[in-house]
């Protein structure tokens, strides 16, 4: 009999409870939601769980927080354990539906501290969210962090819009860059592991 792994588990770090303590269940302002994402992203890389990335899913019209996610690639040992993947999966578990855009549910939005990588682009596209809110979308993420985000098509935002997903950009962009710059200092000092910085090389 072949001995193979039959399951894997992804979970948020224990420190999430500490970061969410005192955070209201409803964050009505778009900047409030993004500010929480930035705080989680900064804590995440400093804790050693993964890259400087975080996300949350909220009800689009009320701002009620449904789930949060951080990058736990290093903690989990799973390359797909990105912040968006966790946030979307946990929101789907919370709502009991793989389709966050189902008729029986309120509209949902995904808030991320930069444009999704190629993997999370697909995850977002198929999740059912009806709005994507990002801090930025330019080359600064890869330049600062040295991460390889993959060959995303140039009309990525238009593809979202064609599928009914509104894209809102440049929400607290400078705060995102502040987190990435701090991370880069740790990269240059050799204090963190950049786990996918191959840049297409073999």
Protein backbone atom coordinates (compact mmCIF):
# COMPACT_ATOMS: atom_id res chain seq x y z
CA UNK A 1 0.00 0.00 0.00
CA UNK A 2 1.28 3.45 -0.90
CA UNK A 3 1.78 5.60 2.17
CA UNK A 4 0.59 9.11 1.27
CA UNK A 5 -0.59 12.17 3.15
CA UNK A 6 -4.39 12.30 3.05
CA UNK A 7 -5.15 15.73 4.39
CA UNK A 8 -3.64 19.04 5.34
CA UNK A 9 -4.80 21.79 7.63
CA UNK A 10 -4.45 25.55 7.42
CA UNK A 11 -5.12 27.73 10.42
CA UNK A 12 -4.64 31.31 11.46
CA UNK A 13 -1.82 32.01 13.93
CA UNK A 14 -2.68 32.13 17.63
CA UNK A 15 -1.76 35.82 17.80
CA UNK A 16 -4.79 36.67 15.62
CA UNK A 17 -6.97 36.69 18.73
CA UNK A 18 -4.76 39.31 20.30
CA UNK A 19 -4.84 41.51 17.20
CA UNK A 20 -8.61 41.25 16.86
CA UNK A 21 -9.33 41.92 20.52
CA UNK A 22 -11.30 45.14 20.70
CA UNK A 23 -11.90 45.32 16.94
CA UNK A 24 -15.60 46.00 16.31
CA UNK A 25 -17.58 43.37 14.45
CA UNK A 26 -18.49 46.06 11.93
CA UNK A 27 -15.95 48.36 10.31
CA UNK A 28 -18.09 50.61 8.13
CA UNK A 29 -15.25 52.58 6.55
CA UNK A 30 -13.16 51.20 3.71
CA UNK A 31 -10.01 52.69 5.20
CA UNK A 32 -10.82 51.15 8.59
CA UNK A 33 -10.90 47.72 7.00
CA UNK A 34 -7.68 48.29 5.09
CA UNK A 35 -5.94 49.62 8.18
CA UNK A 36 -6.73 46.35 9.96
CA UNK A 37 -5.32 44.41 7.01
CA UNK A 38 -2.08 46.41 7.15
CA UNK A 39 -1.74 45.76 10.86
CA UNK A 40 -2.20 42.02 10.40
CA UNK A 41 0.25 41.95 7.48
CA UNK A 42 2.94 43.69 9.51
CA UNK A 43 2.45 41.43 12.52
CA UNK A 44 2.46 38.34 10.33
CA UNK A 45 5.94 38.63 8.85
CA UNK A 46 7.39 39.76 12.15
CA UNK A 47 5.93 36.65 13.80
CA UNK A 48 7.59 34.47 11.17
CA UNK A 49 4.43 32.87 9.83
CA UNK A 50 4.86 33.99 6.21
CA UNK A 51 5.08 37.02 3.99
CA UNK A 52 3.81 40.55 4.73
CA UNK A 53 0.34 39.84 3.41
CA UNK A 54 -3.13 39.89 4.93
CA UNK A 55 -6.73 39.99 3.76
CA UNK A 56 -10.24 40.13 5.08
CA UNK A 57 -13.72 39.40 3.80
CA UNK A 58 -16.50 41.75 4.81
CA UNK A 59 -20.11 42.26 3.91
CA UNK A 60 -19.85 44.90 1.21
CA UNK A 61 -22.72 47.13 2.30
CA UNK A 62 -22.53 46.88 6.10
CA UNK A 63 -18.81 46.40 6.71
CA UNK A 64 -19.40 43.41 8.98
CA UNK A 65 -16.20 41.40 9.16
CA UNK A 66 -16.75 37.80 8.10
CA UNK A 67 -13.17 36.50 8.13
CA UNK A 68 -9.52 37.47 8.07
CA UNK A 69 -6.50 35.76 6.57
CA UNK A 70 -2.74 36.07 6.70
CA UNK A 71 0.00 34.36 4.73
CA UNK A 72 1.01 31.20 6.60
CA UNK A 73 3.23 29.55 3.99
CA UNK A 74 6.16 29.25 6.38
CA UNK A 75 4.11 28.18 9.39
CA UNK A 76 2.10 25.62 7.43
CA UNK A 77 4.76 24.45 4.99
CA UNK A 78 2.20 24.82 2.20
CA UNK A 79 2.98 27.09 -0.76
CA UNK A 80 -0.68 27.92 -1.45
CA UNK A 81 -1.38 29.14 2.09
CA UNK A 82 -1.78 32.78 1.07
CA UNK A 83 -3.77 35.40 2.93
CA UNK A 84 -6.55 35.63 0.34
CA UNK A 85 -6.92 31.85 0.21
CA UNK A 86 -7.39 31.67 3.98
CA UNK A 87 -9.73 34.65 4.18
CA UNK A 88 -11.94 33.37 1.36
CA UNK A 89 -12.00 29.78 2.63
CA UNK A 90 -12.84 30.86 6.17
CA UNK A 91 -15.59 33.15 4.89
CA UNK A 92 -17.03 30.27 2.90
CA UNK A 93 -16.97 28.08 5.99
CA UNK A 94 -18.59 30.86 8.04
CA UNK A 95 -21.41 31.37 5.51
CA UNK A 96 -21.81 27.70 4.71
CA UNK A 97 -21.38 28.33 1.00
CA UNK A 98 -18.62 27.98 -1.55
CA UNK A 99 -20.25 30.90 -3.39
CA UNK A 100 -19.97 34.18 -1.49
CA UNK A 101 -22.16 35.74 -4.17
CA UNK A 102 -25.06 33.34 -3.68
CA UNK A 103 -28.59 34.73 -3.81
CA UNK A 104 -29.22 33.92 -0.17
CA UNK A 105 -26.17 35.89 1.01
CA UNK A 106 -25.32 39.58 1.27
CA UNK A 107 -22.71 40.83 -1.19
CA UNK A 108 -19.14 40.35 0.02
CA UNK A 109 -15.86 42.12 -0.63
CA UNK A 110 -12.26 41.03 -0.30
CA UNK A 111 -9.81 43.58 1.13
CA UNK A 112 -6.11 42.92 0.45
CA UNK A 113 -2.93 44.91 1.04
CA UNK A 114 -1.92 44.69 -2.65
CA UNK A 115 -3.13 43.26 -5.93
CA UNK A 116 -3.48 39.46 -5.66
CA UNK A 117 -0.76 37.21 -7.04
CA UNK A 118 -1.60 34.84 -9.89
CA UNK A 119 -2.82 32.13 -7.52
CA UNK A 120 -5.02 34.44 -5.48
CA UNK A 121 -6.30 36.10 -8.63
CA UNK A 122 -7.97 32.83 -9.55
CA UNK A 123 -9.15 32.18 -6.01
CA UNK A 124 -10.77 35.61 -5.90
CA UNK A 125 -12.31 35.22 -9.35
CA UNK A 126 -14.09 32.03 -8.35
CA UNK A 127 -15.00 32.92 -4.77
CA UNK A 128 -18.20 34.85 -5.42
CA UNK A 129 -17.04 38.16 -3.94
CA UNK A 130 -18.48 41.17 -5.68
CA UNK A 131 -15.79 43.71 -4.84
CA UNK A 132 -12.01 43.63 -4.51
CA UNK A 133 -10.41 46.42 -2.50
CA UNK A 134 -6.63 46.76 -2.76
CA UNK A 135 -3.99 49.11 -1.42
CA UNK A 136 -2.10 49.16 -4.71
CA UNK A 137 -1.32 47.31 -7.91
CA UNK A 138 2.05 48.49 -9.20
CA UNK A 139 5.49 46.88 -9.35
CA UNK A 140 6.47 48.22 -5.93
CA UNK A 141 5.46 45.02 -4.16
CA UNK A 142 7.88 42.85 -6.09
CA UNK A 143 10.58 45.51 -6.09
CA UNK A 144 10.44 46.00 -2.33
CA UNK A 145 9.77 42.48 -1.08
CA UNK A 146 11.58 40.50 -3.82
CA UNK A 147 8.59 38.17 -4.11
CA UNK A 148 7.65 36.78 -7.52
CA UNK A 149 3.91 37.43 -7.90
CA UNK A 150 3.64 35.57 -11.19
CA UNK A 151 2.74 36.52 -14.78
CA UNK A 152 -0.57 38.27 -14.24
CA UNK A 153 -2.26 39.50 -17.42
CA UNK A 154 -2.30 43.25 -18.00
CA UNK A 155 -6.11 43.43 -18.17
CA UNK A 156 -6.56 41.69 -14.82
CA UNK A 157 -8.84 44.39 -13.41
CA UNK A 158 -11.02 44.44 -16.52
CA UNK A 159 -11.40 40.66 -16.25
CA UNK A 160 -12.71 41.08 -12.72
CA UNK A 161 -15.12 43.80 -13.79
CA UNK A 162 -16.44 41.66 -16.67
CA UNK A 163 -17.32 39.01 -14.11
CA UNK A 164 -19.18 41.41 -11.84
CA UNK A 165 -16.33 42.06 -9.40
CA UNK A 166 -15.78 45.77 -8.79
CA UNK A 167 -12.13 46.74 -8.27
CA UNK A 168 -11.27 49.59 -5.91
CA UNK A 169 -7.61 50.56 -5.74
CA UNK A 170 -5.16 52.79 -3.89
CA UNK A 171 -6.74 52.52 -0.46
CA UNK A 172 -4.07 53.52 2.09
CA UNK A 173 -1.39 52.73 -0.46
CA UNK A 174 1.45 54.39 1.43
CA UNK A 175 0.69 52.35 4.54
CA UNK A 176 1.09 49.19 2.50
CA UNK A 177 4.44 50.38 1.18
CA UNK A 178 5.58 51.15 4.72
CA UNK A 179 4.99 47.51 5.67
CA UNK A 180 6.82 46.28 2.57
CA UNK A 181 9.78 48.56 3.23
CA UNK A 182 10.13 47.27 6.77
CA UNK A 183 9.99 43.73 5.44
CA UNK A 184 12.69 44.55 2.87
CA UNK A 185 15.00 45.73 5.61
CA UNK A 186 14.63 42.31 7.22
CA UNK A 187 15.25 40.61 3.87
CA UNK A 188 18.45 42.57 3.33
CA UNK A 189 19.57 41.73 6.86
CA UNK A 190 18.98 38.03 6.22
CA UNK A 191 16.37 37.85 8.97
CA UNK A 192 13.46 36.41 6.93
CA UNK A 193 12.92 33.74 4.30
CA UNK A 194 11.56 34.86 0.92
CA UNK A 195 10.08 31.57 -0.15
CA UNK A 196 9.25 32.18 -3.84
CA UNK A 197 11.76 34.72 -5.13
CA UNK A 198 12.82 32.67 -8.16
CA UNK A 199 11.64 35.19 -10.72
CA UNK A 200 11.13 32.54 -13.36
CA UNK A 201 14.65 31.15 -13.07
CA UNK A 202 15.31 27.43 -12.85
